Amino acid sequence: MNIALVSDVVKRYNGILALDHVDFEIASGEVLDLLGPNGAGKTTVIRALAGLLPVDSGNIQLVGLPQGPGGTGLKRRLGVVTQKITVFEDLSARENLEFFGGLYGLK
């Protein structure tokens, strides 16, 4: 079973091409590394996989489900850890949990 399937994905920022027809598959038990210089599109791919960024064209599937608008159920099955700790210091621990959980439709 494919854990991830990325097919012909294109993303532009203000007309600047960030992802140029990206294709890859990740099968169960495989690990994928994204290597490249700054500006190569690594973060854009991760954001698109996580459903945090819509793509202009192409398809993304995770665990057999399409990634796209309204993919709350899929977001609940995916964990993403950012490079830097993301916590709003002016919010309490509970408020931070409620905010970030709310992004994924959690109560």
PDB file of N, CA and C in Angstrom:
ATOM      1  N   MET A   1       0.845  -1.195   0.000  1.00  0.00           N
ATOM      2  CA  MET A   1       0.000   0.000   0.000  1.00  0.00           C
ATOM      3  C   MET A   1       0.878   1.242   0.000  1.00  0.00           C
ATOM      4  N   ASN A   2       0.492   2.224  -0.811  1.00  0.00           N
ATOM      5  CA  ASN A   2       1.198   3.496  -0.803  1.00  0.00           C
ATOM      6  C   ASN A   2       0.731   4.337   0.374  1.00  0.00           C
ATOM      7  N   ILE A   3       1.681   4.849   1.123  1.00  0.00           N
ATOM      8  CA  ILE A   3       1.376   5.781   2.200  1.00  0.00           C
ATOM      9  C   ILE A   3       1.134   7.161   1.605  1.00  0.00           C
ATOM     10  N   ALA A   4       1.931   7.517   0.601  1.00  0.00           N
ATOM     11  CA  ALA A   4       1.768   8.805  -0.076  1.00  0.00           C
ATOM     12  C   ALA A   4       1.956   8.614  -1.571  1.00  0.00           C
ATOM     13  N   LEU A   5       1.131   9.333  -2.330  1.00  0.00           N
ATOM     14  CA  LEU A   5       1.229   9.342  -3.777  1.00  0.00           C
ATOM     15  C   LEU A   5       1.076  10.790  -4.222  1.00  0.00           C
ATOM     16  N   VAL A   6       2.116  11.316  -4.818  1.00  0.00           N
ATOM     17  CA  VAL A   6       2.131  12.692  -5.307  1.00  0.00           C
ATOM     18  C   VAL A   6       2.275  12.629  -6.818  1.00  0.00           C
ATOM     19  N   SER A   7       1.294  13.185  -7.531  1.00  0.00           N
ATOM     20  CA  SER A   7       1.258  13.053  -8.986  1.00  0.00           C
ATOM     21  C   SER A   7       1.133  14.408  -9.661  1.00  0.00           C
ATOM     22  N   ASP A   8       2.161  14.780 -10.430  1.00  0.00           N
ATOM     23  CA  ASP A   8       2.119  15.941 -11.313  1.00  0.00           C
ATOM     24  C   ASP A   8       1.743  17.230 -10.572  1.00  0.00           C
ATOM     25  N   VAL A   9       2.283  17.430  -9.368  1.00  0.00           N
ATOM     26  CA  VAL A   9       1.922  18.575  -8.530  1.00  0.00           C
ATOM     27  C   VAL A   9       2.683  19.827  -8.955  1.00  0.00           C
ATOM     28  N   VAL A  10       1.921  20.901  -9.142  1.00  0.00           N
ATOM     29  CA  VAL A  10       2.463  22.200  -9.516  1.00  0.00           C
ATOM     30  C   VAL A  10       1.992  23.219  -8.492  1.00  0.00           C
ATOM     31  N   LYS A  11       2.911  24.095  -8.054  1.00  0.00           N
ATOM     32  CA  LYS A  11       2.565  25.190  -7.150  1.00  0.00           C
ATOM     33  C   LYS A  11       3.375  26.415  -7.546  1.00  0.00           C
ATOM     34  N   ARG A  12       2.676  27.527  -7.652  1.00  0.00           N
ATOM     35  CA  ARG A  12       3.315  28.811  -7.950  1.00  0.00           C
ATOM     36  C   ARG A  12       2.989  29.799  -6.833  1.00  0.00           C
ATOM     37  N   TYR A  13       3.938  30.651  -6.535  1.00  0.00           N
ATOM     38  CA  TYR A  13       3.735  31.772  -5.619  1.00  0.00           C
ATOM     39  C   TYR A  13       3.873  33.045  -6.444  1.00  0.00           C
ATOM     40  N   ASN A  14       2.779  33.765  -6.606  1.00  0.00           N
ATOM     41  CA  ASN A  14       2.793  35.006  -7.400  1.00  0.00           C
ATOM     42  C   ASN A  14       3.475  34.810  -8.745  1.00  0.00           C
ATOM     43  N   GLY A  15       3.149  33.728  -9.402  1.00  0.00           N
ATOM     44  CA  GLY A  15       3.690  33.452 -10.730  1.00  0.00           C
ATOM     45  C   GLY A  15       5.045  32.770 -10.734  1.00  0.00           C
ATOM     46  N   ILE A  16       5.699  32.652  -9.576  1.00  0.00           N
ATOM     47  CA  ILE A  16       7.018  32.016  -9.497  1.00  0.00           C
ATOM     48  C   ILE A  16       6.821  30.528  -9.225  1.00  0.00           C
ATOM     49  N   LEU A  17       7.378  29.696 -10.078  1.00  0.00           N
ATOM     50  CA  LEU A  17       7.214  28.255  -9.980  1.00  0.00           C
ATOM     51  C   LEU A  17       7.994  27.704  -8.789  1.00  0.00           C
ATOM     52  N   ALA A  18       7.275  27.077  -7.850  1.00  0.00           N
ATOM     53  CA  ALA A  18       7.908  26.487  -6.670  1.00  0.00           C
ATOM     54  C   ALA A  18       7.985  24.967  -6.796  1.00  0.00           C
ATOM     55  N   LEU A  19       6.927  24.345  -7.341  1.00  0.00           N
ATOM     56  CA  LEU A  19       6.906  22.903  -7.582  1.00  0.00           C
ATOM     57  C   LEU A  19       6.547  22.694  -9.046  1.00  0.00           C
ATOM     58  N   ASP A  20       7.403  21.983  -9.753  1.00  0.00           N
ATOM     59  CA  ASP A  20       7.267  21.824 -11.199  1.00  0.00           C
ATOM     60  C   ASP A  20       6.948  20.368 -11.546  1.00  0.00           C
ATOM     61  N   HIS A  21       5.675  20.010 -11.524  1.00  0.00           N
ATOM     62  CA  HIS A  21       5.212  18.666 -11.884  1.00  0.00           C
ATOM     63  C   HIS A  21       5.928  17.587 -11.058  1.00  0.00           C
ATOM     64  N   VAL A  22       5.823  17.709  -9.742  1.00  0.00           N
ATOM     65  CA  VAL A  22       6.474  16.790  -8.805  1.00  0.00           C
ATOM     66  C   VAL A  22       5.705  15.474  -8.755  1.00  0.00           C
ATOM     67  N   ASP A  23       6.450  14.358  -8.818  1.00  0.00           N
ATOM     68  CA  ASP A  23       5.893  13.011  -8.730  1.00  0.00           C
ATOM     69  C   ASP A  23       6.748  12.178  -7.788  1.00  0.00           C
ATOM     70  N   PHE A  24       6.116  11.493  -6.837  1.00  0.00           N
ATOM     71  CA  PHE A  24       6.810  10.475  -6.055  1.00  0.00           C
ATOM     72  C   PHE A  24       5.788   9.637  -5.311  1.00  0.00           C
ATOM     73  N   GLU A  25       6.229   8.462  -4.877  1.00  0.00           N
ATOM     74  CA  GLU A  25       5.415   7.556  -4.084  1.00  0.00           C
ATOM     75  C   GLU A  25       6.212   7.156  -2.853  1.00  0.00           C
ATOM     76  N   ILE A  26       5.509   6.954  -1.759  1.00  0.00           N
ATOM     77  CA  ILE A  26       6.117   6.414  -0.547  1.00  0.00           C
ATOM     78  C   ILE A  26       5.294   5.194  -0.170  1.00  0.00           C
ATOM     79  N   ALA A  27       5.908   4.025  -0.178  1.00  0.00           N
ATOM     80  CA  ALA A  27       5.221   2.787   0.182  1.00  0.00           C
ATOM     81  C   ALA A  27       5.346   2.546   1.680  1.00  0.00           C
ATOM     82  N   SER A  28       4.487   1.709   2.189  1.00  0.00           N
ATOM     83  CA  SER A  28       4.528   1.351   3.600  1.00  0.00           C
ATOM     84  C   SER A  28       5.912   0.826   3.960  1.00  0.00           C
ATOM     85  N   GLY A  29       6.489   1.353   5.031  1.00  0.00           N
ATOM     86  CA  GLY A  29       7.809   0.930   5.482  1.00  0.00           C
ATOM     87  C   GLY A  29       8.953   1.721   4.883  1.00  0.00           C
ATOM     88  N   GLU A  30       8.683   2.562   3.890  1.00  0.00           N
ATOM     89  CA  GLU A  30       9.741   3.373   3.273  1.00  0.00           C
ATOM     90  C   GLU A  30       9.889   4.703   3.993  1.00  0.00           C
ATOM     91  N   VAL A  31      11.070   5.288   3.835  1.00  0.00           N
ATOM     92  CA  VAL A  31      11.374   6.605   4.369  1.00  0.00           C
ATOM     93  C   VAL A  31      11.825   7.466   3.198  1.00  0.00           C
ATOM     94  N   LEU A  32      11.333   8.694   3.147  1.00  0.00           N
ATOM     95  CA  LEU A  32      11.711   9.620   2.079  1.00  0.00           C
ATOM     96  C   LEU A  32      12.420  10.812   2.689  1.00  0.00           C
ATOM     97  N   ASP A  33      13.582  11.146   2.157  1.00  0.00           N
ATOM     98  CA  ASP A  33      14.294  12.364   2.544  1.00  0.00           C
ATOM     99  C   ASP A  33      14.136  13.375   1.434  1.00  0.00           C
ATOM    100  N   LEU A  34      13.916  14.628   1.805  1.00  0.00           N
ATOM    101  CA  LEU A  34      13.879  15.714   0.836  1.00  0.00           C
ATOM    102  C   LEU A  34      15.145  16.533   1.030  1.00  0.00           C
ATOM    103  N   LEU A  35      16.012  16.476   0.050  1.00  0.00           N
ATOM    104  CA  LEU A  35      17.280  17.184   0.120  1.00  0.00           C
ATOM    105  C   LEU A  35      17.355  18.195  -1.008  1.00  0.00           C
ATOM    106  N   GLY A  36      17.945  19.335  -0.732  1.00  0.00           N
ATOM    107  CA  GLY A  36      18.124  20.330  -1.775  1.00  0.00           C
ATOM    108  C   GLY A  36      18.468  21.671  -1.161  1.00  0.00           C
ATOM    109  N   PRO A  37      18.904  22.584  -2.000  1.00  0.00           N
ATOM    110  CA  PRO A  37      19.270  23.911  -1.506  1.00  0.00           C
ATOM    111  C   PRO A  37      18.042  24.719  -1.112  1.00  0.00           C
ATOM    112  N   ASN A  38      18.274  25.833  -0.430  1.00  0.00           N
ATOM    113  CA  ASN A  38      17.181  26.746  -0.098  1.00  0.00           C
ATOM    114  C   ASN A  38      16.447  27.121  -1.376  1.00  0.00           C
ATOM    115  N   GLY A  39      15.112  27.125  -1.295  1.00  0.00           N
ATOM    116  CA  GLY A  39      14.317  27.502  -2.451  1.00  0.00           C
ATOM    117  C   GLY A  39      14.002  26.363  -3.398  1.00  0.00           C
ATOM    118  N   ALA A  40      14.414  25.136  -3.051  1.00  0.00           N
ATOM    119  CA  ALA A  40      14.191  23.996  -3.945  1.00  0.00           C
ATOM    120  C   ALA A  40      12.753  23.477  -3.886  1.00  0.00           C
ATOM    121  N   GLY A  41      11.983  23.853  -2.858  1.00  0.00           N
ATOM    122  CA  GLY A  41      10.595  23.429  -2.751  1.00  0.00           C
ATOM    123  C   GLY A  41      10.323  22.402  -1.672  1.00  0.00           C
ATOM    124  N   LYS A  42      11.304  22.108  -0.829  1.00  0.00           N
ATOM    125  CA  LYS A  42      11.125  21.079   0.205  1.00  0.00           C
ATOM    126  C   LYS A  42       9.984  21.433   1.162  1.00  0.00           C
ATOM    127  N   THR A  43       9.989  22.638   1.676  1.00  0.00           N
ATOM    128  CA  THR A  43       8.958  23.068   2.614  1.00  0.00           C
ATOM    129  C   THR A  43       7.604  23.125   1.927  1.00  0.00           C
ATOM    130  N   THR A  44       7.567  23.556   0.700  1.00  0.00           N
ATOM    131  CA  THR A  44       6.312  23.614  -0.051  1.00  0.00           C
ATOM    132  C   THR A  44       5.717  22.222  -0.209  1.00  0.00           C
ATOM    133  N   VAL A  45       6.548  21.224  -0.495  1.00  0.00           N
ATOM    134  CA  VAL A  45       6.064  19.843  -0.611  1.00  0.00           C
ATOM    135  C   VAL A  45       5.486  19.378   0.721  1.00  0.00           C
ATOM    136  N   ILE A  46       6.174  19.628   1.814  1.00  0.00           N
ATOM    137  CA  ILE A  46       5.705  19.202   3.135  1.00  0.00           C
ATOM    138  C   ILE A  46       4.380  19.885   3.466  1.00  0.00           C
ATOM    139  N   ARG A  47       4.286  21.175   3.216  1.00  0.00           N
ATOM    140  CA  ARG A  47       3.039  21.898   3.498  1.00  0.00           C
ATOM    141  C   ARG A  47       1.885  21.366   2.656  1.00  0.00           C
ATOM    142  N   ALA A  48       2.153  21.044   1.404  1.00  0.00           N
ATOM    143  CA  ALA A  48       1.111  20.487   0.540  1.00  0.00           C
ATOM    144  C   ALA A  48       0.696  19.104   1.021  1.00  0.00           C
ATOM    145  N   LEU A  49       1.663  18.263   1.397  1.00  0.00           N
ATOM    146  CA  LEU A  49       1.342  16.933   1.925  1.00  0.00           C
ATOM    147  C   LEU A  49       0.476  17.030   3.177  1.00  0.00           C
ATOM    148  N   ALA A  50       0.792  17.992   4.025  1.00  0.00           N
ATOM    149  CA  ALA A  50       0.072  18.152   5.293  1.00  0.00           C
ATOM    150  C   ALA A  50      -1.283  18.824   5.116  1.00  0.00           C
ATOM    151  N   GLY A  51      -1.583  19.279   3.910  1.00  0.00           N
ATOM    152  CA  GLY A  51      -2.857  19.953   3.676  1.00  0.00           C
ATOM    153  C   GLY A  51      -2.884  21.377   4.160  1.00  0.00           C
ATOM    154  N   LEU A  52      -1.707  21.934   4.418  1.00  0.00           N
ATOM    155  CA  LEU A  52      -1.615  23.314   4.897  1.00  0.00           C
ATOM    156  C   LEU A  52      -1.501  24.303   3.751  1.00  0.00           C
ATOM    157  N   LEU A  53      -1.327  23.792   2.532  1.00  0.00           N
ATOM    158  CA  LEU A  53      -1.114  24.636   1.366  1.00  0.00           C
ATOM    159  C   LEU A  53      -1.791  23.991   0.158  1.00  0.00           C
ATOM    160  N   PRO A  54      -2.709  24.698  -0.488  1.00  0.00           N
ATOM    161  CA  PRO A  54      -3.319  24.114  -1.691  1.00  0.00           C
ATOM    162  C   PRO A  54      -2.335  24.172  -2.862  1.00  0.00           C
ATOM    163  N   VAL A  55      -2.410  23.170  -3.730  1.00  0.00           N
ATOM    164  CA  VAL A  55      -1.565  23.167  -4.923  1.00  0.00           C
ATOM    165  C   VAL A  55      -2.371  23.700  -6.101  1.00  0.00           C
ATOM    166  N   ASP A  56      -1.684  24.172  -7.118  1.00  0.00           N
ATOM    167  CA  ASP A  56      -2.354  24.723  -8.297  1.00  0.00           C
ATOM    168  C   ASP A  56      -2.909  23.623  -9.192  1.00  0.00           C
ATOM    169  N   SER A  57      -2.178  22.529  -9.287  1.00  0.00           N
ATOM    170  CA  SER A  57      -2.655  21.384 -10.063  1.00  0.00           C
ATOM    171  C   SER A  57      -1.921  20.134  -9.608  1.00  0.00           C
ATOM    172  N   GLY A  58      -2.452  18.992 -10.027  1.00  0.00           N
ATOM    173  CA  GLY A  58      -1.894  17.716  -9.620  1.00  0.00           C
ATOM    174  C   GLY A  58      -2.701  17.113  -8.488  1.00  0.00           C
ATOM    175  N   ASN A  59      -2.262  15.958  -8.032  1.00  0.00           N
ATOM    176  CA  ASN A  59      -2.984  15.225  -6.999  1.00  0.00           C
ATOM    177  C   ASN A  59      -2.044  14.739  -5.914  1.00  0.00           C
ATOM    178  N   ILE A  60      -2.563  14.744  -4.696  1.00  0.00           N
ATOM    179  CA  ILE A  60      -1.846  14.196  -3.548  1.00  0.00           C
ATOM    180  C   ILE A  60      -2.798  13.264  -2.821  1.00  0.00           C
ATOM    181  N   GLN A  61      -2.334  12.048  -2.548  1.00  0.00           N
ATOM    182  CA  GLN A  61      -3.096  11.096  -1.749  1.00  0.00           C
ATOM    183  C   GLN A  61      -2.229  10.615  -0.600  1.00  0.00           C
ATOM    184  N   LEU A  62      -2.838  10.539   0.567  1.00  0.00           N
ATOM    185  CA  LEU A  62      -2.177   9.980   1.748  1.00  0.00           C
ATOM    186  C   LEU A  62      -3.056   8.865   2.265  1.00  0.00           C
ATOM    187  N   VAL A  63      -2.459   7.724   2.531  1.00  0.00           N
ATOM    188  CA  VAL A  63      -3.155   6.523   2.981  1.00  0.00           C
ATOM    189  C   VAL A  63      -4.439   6.274   2.178  1.00  0.00           C
ATOM    190  N   GLY A  64      -4.357   6.520   0.871  1.00  0.00           N
ATOM    191  CA  GLY A  64      -5.468   6.263  -0.028  1.00  0.00           C
ATOM    192  C   GLY A  64      -6.533   7.333  -0.084  1.00  0.00           C
ATOM    193  N   LEU A  65      -6.375   8.398   0.681  1.00  0.00           N
ATOM    194  CA  LEU A  65      -7.355   9.484   0.706  1.00  0.00           C
ATOM    195  C   LEU A  65      -6.802  10.716   0.005  1.00  0.00           C
ATOM    196  N   PRO A  66      -7.628  11.412  -0.780  1.00  0.00           N
ATOM    197  CA  PRO A  66      -7.146  12.604  -1.476  1.00  0.00           C
ATOM    198  C   PRO A  66      -6.914  13.763  -0.518  1.00  0.00           C
ATOM    199  N   GLN A  67      -5.824  14.481  -0.742  1.00  0.00           N
ATOM    200  CA  GLN A  67      -5.529  15.683   0.030  1.00  0.00           C
ATOM    201  C   GLN A  67      -6.176  16.852  -0.692  1.00  0.00           C
ATOM    202  N   GLY A  68      -6.827  17.707   0.037  1.00  0.00           N
ATOM    203  CA  GLY A  68      -7.457  18.860  -0.590  1.00  0.00           C
ATOM    204  C   GLY A  68      -8.354  19.579   0.384  1.00  0.00           C
ATOM    205  N   PRO A  69      -9.138  20.534  -0.132  1.00  0.00           N
ATOM    206  CA  PRO A  69     -10.035  21.302   0.736  1.00  0.00           C
ATOM    207  C   PRO A  69     -10.979  20.376   1.505  1.00  0.00           C
ATOM    208  N   GLY A  70     -11.166  20.683   2.764  1.00  0.00           N
ATOM    209  CA  GLY A  70     -12.070  19.903   3.591  1.00  0.00           C
ATOM    210  C   GLY A  70     -11.510  18.568   4.039  1.00  0.00           C
ATOM    211  N   GLY A  71     -10.215  18.372   3.916  1.00  0.00           N
ATOM    212  CA  GLY A  71      -9.605  17.102   4.290  1.00  0.00           C
ATOM    213  C   GLY A  71      -9.360  16.969   5.770  1.00  0.00           C
ATOM    214  N   THR A  72     -10.338  17.360   6.580  1.00  0.00           N
ATOM    215  CA  THR A  72     -10.169  17.323   8.029  1.00  0.00           C
ATOM    216  C   THR A  72      -9.902  15.914   8.536  1.00  0.00           C
ATOM    217  N   GLY A  73     -10.613  14.925   8.016  1.00  0.00           N
ATOM    218  CA  GLY A  73     -10.404  13.550   8.450  1.00  0.00           C
ATOM    219  C   GLY A  73      -8.993  13.082   8.189  1.00  0.00           C
ATOM    220  N   LEU A  74      -8.448  13.479   7.065  1.00  0.00           N
ATOM    221  CA  LEU A  74      -7.078  13.118   6.726  1.00  0.00           C
ATOM    222  C   LEU A  74      -6.092  13.840   7.634  1.00  0.00           C
ATOM    223  N   LYS A  75      -6.341  15.104   7.907  1.00  0.00           N
ATOM    224  CA  LYS A  75      -5.449  15.873   8.777  1.00  0.00           C
ATOM    225  C   LYS A  75      -5.358  15.240  10.171  1.00  0.00           C
ATOM    226  N   ARG A  76      -6.448  14.639  10.619  1.00  0.00           N
ATOM    227  CA  ARG A  76      -6.451  14.007  11.939  1.00  0.00           C
ATOM    228  C   ARG A  76      -5.533  12.798  11.990  1.00  0.00           C
ATOM    229  N   ARG A  77      -5.212  12.218  10.846  1.00  0.00           N
ATOM    230  CA  ARG A  77      -4.367  11.020  10.792  1.00  0.00           C
ATOM    231  C   ARG A  77      -2.902  11.350  10.540  1.00  0.00           C
ATOM    232  N   LEU A  78      -2.587  12.624  10.374  1.00  0.00           N
ATOM    233  CA  LEU A  78      -1.245  13.035   9.990  1.00  0.00           C
ATOM    234  C   LEU A  78      -0.634  13.919  11.066  1.00  0.00           C
ATOM    235  N   GLY A  79       0.594  13.636  11.425  1.00  0.00           N
ATOM    236  CA  GLY A  79       1.301  14.485  12.370  1.00  0.00           C
ATOM    237  C   GLY A  79       2.457  15.185  11.675  1.00  0.00           C
ATOM    238  N   VAL A  80       2.621  16.448  11.975  1.00  0.00           N
ATOM    239  CA  VAL A  80       3.715  17.226  11.404  1.00  0.00           C
ATOM    240  C   VAL A  80       4.441  17.915  12.544  1.00  0.00           C
ATOM    241  N   VAL A  81       5.763  17.791  12.557  1.00  0.00           N
ATOM    242  CA  VAL A  81       6.585  18.468  13.548  1.00  0.00           C
ATOM    243  C   VAL A  81       7.410  19.507  12.818  1.00  0.00           C
ATOM    244  N   THR A  82       7.274  20.757  13.236  1.00  0.00           N
ATOM    245  CA  THR A  82       8.008  21.829  12.577  1.00  0.00           C
ATOM    246  C   THR A  82       9.443  21.890  13.078  1.00  0.00           C
ATOM    247  N   GLN A  83      10.288  22.558  12.305  1.00  0.00           N
ATOM    248  CA  GLN A  83      11.694  22.682  12.668  1.00  0.00           C
ATOM    249  C   GLN A  83      11.855  23.524  13.928  1.00  0.00           C
ATOM    250  N   LYS A  84      11.046  24.554  14.018  1.00  0.00           N
ATOM    251  CA  LYS A  84      11.089  25.426  15.188  1.00  0.00           C
ATOM    252  C   LYS A  84       9.842  25.169  16.019  1.00  0.00           C
ATOM    253  N   ILE A  85       9.978  25.310  17.315  1.00  0.00           N
ATOM    254  CA  ILE A  85       8.827  25.125  18.197  1.00  0.00           C
ATOM    255  C   ILE A  85       7.824  26.237  17.908  1.00  0.00           C
ATOM    256  N   THR A  86       6.589  25.850  17.675  1.00  0.00           N
ATOM    257  CA  THR A  86       5.542  26.812  17.377  1.00  0.00           C
ATOM    258  C   THR A  86       4.570  26.836  18.538  1.00  0.00           C
ATOM    259  N   VAL A  87       4.719  27.849  19.378  1.00  0.00           N
ATOM    260  CA  VAL A  87       3.836  28.045  20.518  1.00  0.00           C
ATOM    261  C   VAL A  87       3.616  29.543  20.649  1.00  0.00           C
ATOM    262  N   PHE A  88       2.364  29.937  20.860  1.00  0.00           N
ATOM    263  CA  PHE A  88       2.079  31.343  21.097  1.00  0.00           C
ATOM    264  C   PHE A  88       2.290  31.618  22.575  1.00  0.00           C
ATOM    265  N   GLU A  89       3.324  32.385  22.872  1.00  0.00           N
ATOM    266  CA  GLU A  89       3.704  32.621  24.263  1.00  0.00           C
ATOM    267  C   GLU A  89       2.676  33.429  25.034  1.00  0.00           C
ATOM    268  N   ASP A  90       1.832  34.203  24.328  1.00  0.00           N
ATOM    269  CA  ASP A  90       0.833  35.000  25.027  1.00  0.00           C
ATOM    270  C   ASP A  90      -0.443  34.200  25.320  1.00  0.00           C
ATOM    271  N   LEU A  91      -0.483  32.924  24.897  1.00  0.00           N
ATOM    272  CA  LEU A  91      -1.604  32.041  25.203  1.00  0.00           C
ATOM    273  C   LEU A  91      -1.185  31.024  26.260  1.00  0.00           C
ATOM    274  N   SER A  92      -2.168  30.550  27.015  1.00  0.00           N
ATOM    275  CA  SER A  92      -1.887  29.498  27.995  1.00  0.00           C
ATOM    276  C   SER A  92      -1.658  28.180  27.250  1.00  0.00           C
ATOM    277  N   ALA A  93      -1.191  27.168  27.971  1.00  0.00           N
ATOM    278  CA  ALA A  93      -0.983  25.854  27.361  1.00  0.00           C
ATOM    279  C   ALA A  93      -2.304  25.332  26.801  1.00  0.00           C
ATOM    280  N   ARG A  94      -3.374  25.462  27.563  1.00  0.00           N
ATOM    281  CA  ARG A  94      -4.696  25.007  27.115  1.00  0.00           C
ATOM    282  C   ARG A  94      -5.124  25.754  25.851  1.00  0.00           C
ATOM    283  N   GLU A  95      -4.940  27.071  25.828  1.00  0.00           N
ATOM    284  CA  GLU A  95      -5.332  27.874  24.660  1.00  0.00           C
ATOM    285  C   GLU A  95      -4.527  27.472  23.423  1.00  0.00           C
ATOM    286  N   ASN A  96      -3.244  27.181  23.595  1.00  0.00           N
ATOM    287  CA  ASN A  96      -2.420  26.710  22.482  1.00  0.00           C
ATOM    288  C   ASN A  96      -2.954  25.385  21.949  1.00  0.00           C
ATOM    289  N   LEU A  97      -3.272  24.450  22.856  1.00  0.00           N
ATOM    290  CA  LEU A  97      -3.806  23.154  22.441  1.00  0.00           C
ATOM    291  C   LEU A  97      -5.143  23.317  21.725  1.00  0.00           C
ATOM    292  N   GLU A  98      -5.995  24.187  22.249  1.00  0.00           N
ATOM    293  CA  GLU A  98      -7.293  24.417  21.607  1.00  0.00           C
ATOM    294  C   GLU A  98      -7.122  25.043  20.226  1.00  0.00           C
ATOM    295  N   PHE A  99      -6.203  25.983  20.098  1.00  0.00           N
ATOM    296  CA  PHE A  99      -5.985  26.632  18.809  1.00  0.00           C
ATOM    297  C   PHE A  99      -5.472  25.637  17.773  1.00  0.00           C
ATOM    298  N   PHE A 100      -4.392  24.939  18.097  1.00  0.00           N
ATOM    299  CA  PHE A 100      -3.797  24.026  17.117  1.00  0.00           C
ATOM    300  C   PHE A 100      -4.689  22.811  16.859  1.00  0.00           C
ATOM    301  N   GLY A 101      -5.387  22.332  17.875  1.00  0.00           N
ATOM    302  CA  GLY A 101      -6.350  21.257  17.675  1.00  0.00           C
ATOM    303  C   GLY A 101      -7.490  21.702  16.783  1.00  0.00           C
ATOM    304  N   GLY A 102      -7.916  22.963  16.959  1.00  0.00           N
ATOM    305  CA  GLY A 102      -8.989  23.509  16.142  1.00  0.00           C
ATOM    306  C   GLY A 102      -8.637  23.566  14.663  1.00  0.00           C
ATOM    307  N   LEU A 103      -7.362  23.714  14.347  1.00  0.00           N
ATOM    308  CA  LEU A 103      -6.939  23.715  12.942  1.00  0.00           C
ATOM    309  C   LEU A 103      -7.249  22.390  12.275  1.00  0.00           C
ATOM    310  N   TYR A 104      -7.311  21.343  13.073  1.00  0.00           N
ATOM    311  CA  TYR A 104      -7.562  19.998  12.555  1.00  0.00           C
ATOM    312  C   TYR A 104      -8.971  19.492  12.904  1.00  0.00           C
ATOM    313  N   GLY A 105      -9.827  20.404  13.354  1.00  0.00           N
ATOM    314  CA  GLY A 105     -11.202  20.011  13.649  1.00  0.00           C
ATOM    315  C   GLY A 105     -11.374  19.253  14.935  1.00  0.00           C
ATOM    316  N   LEU A 106     -10.373  19.310  15.818  1.00  0.00           N
ATOM    317  CA  LEU A 106     -10.464  18.611  17.110  1.00  0.00           C
ATOM    318  C   LEU A 106     -11.159  19.510  18.126  1.00  0.00           C
ATOM    319  N   LYS A 107     -11.854  18.904  19.063  1.00  0.00           N
ATOM    320  CA  LYS A 107     -12.543  19.667  20.106  1.00  0.00           C
ATOM    321  C   LYS A 107     -11.782  19.589  21.399  1.00  0.00           C
TER     322      LYS A 107
END
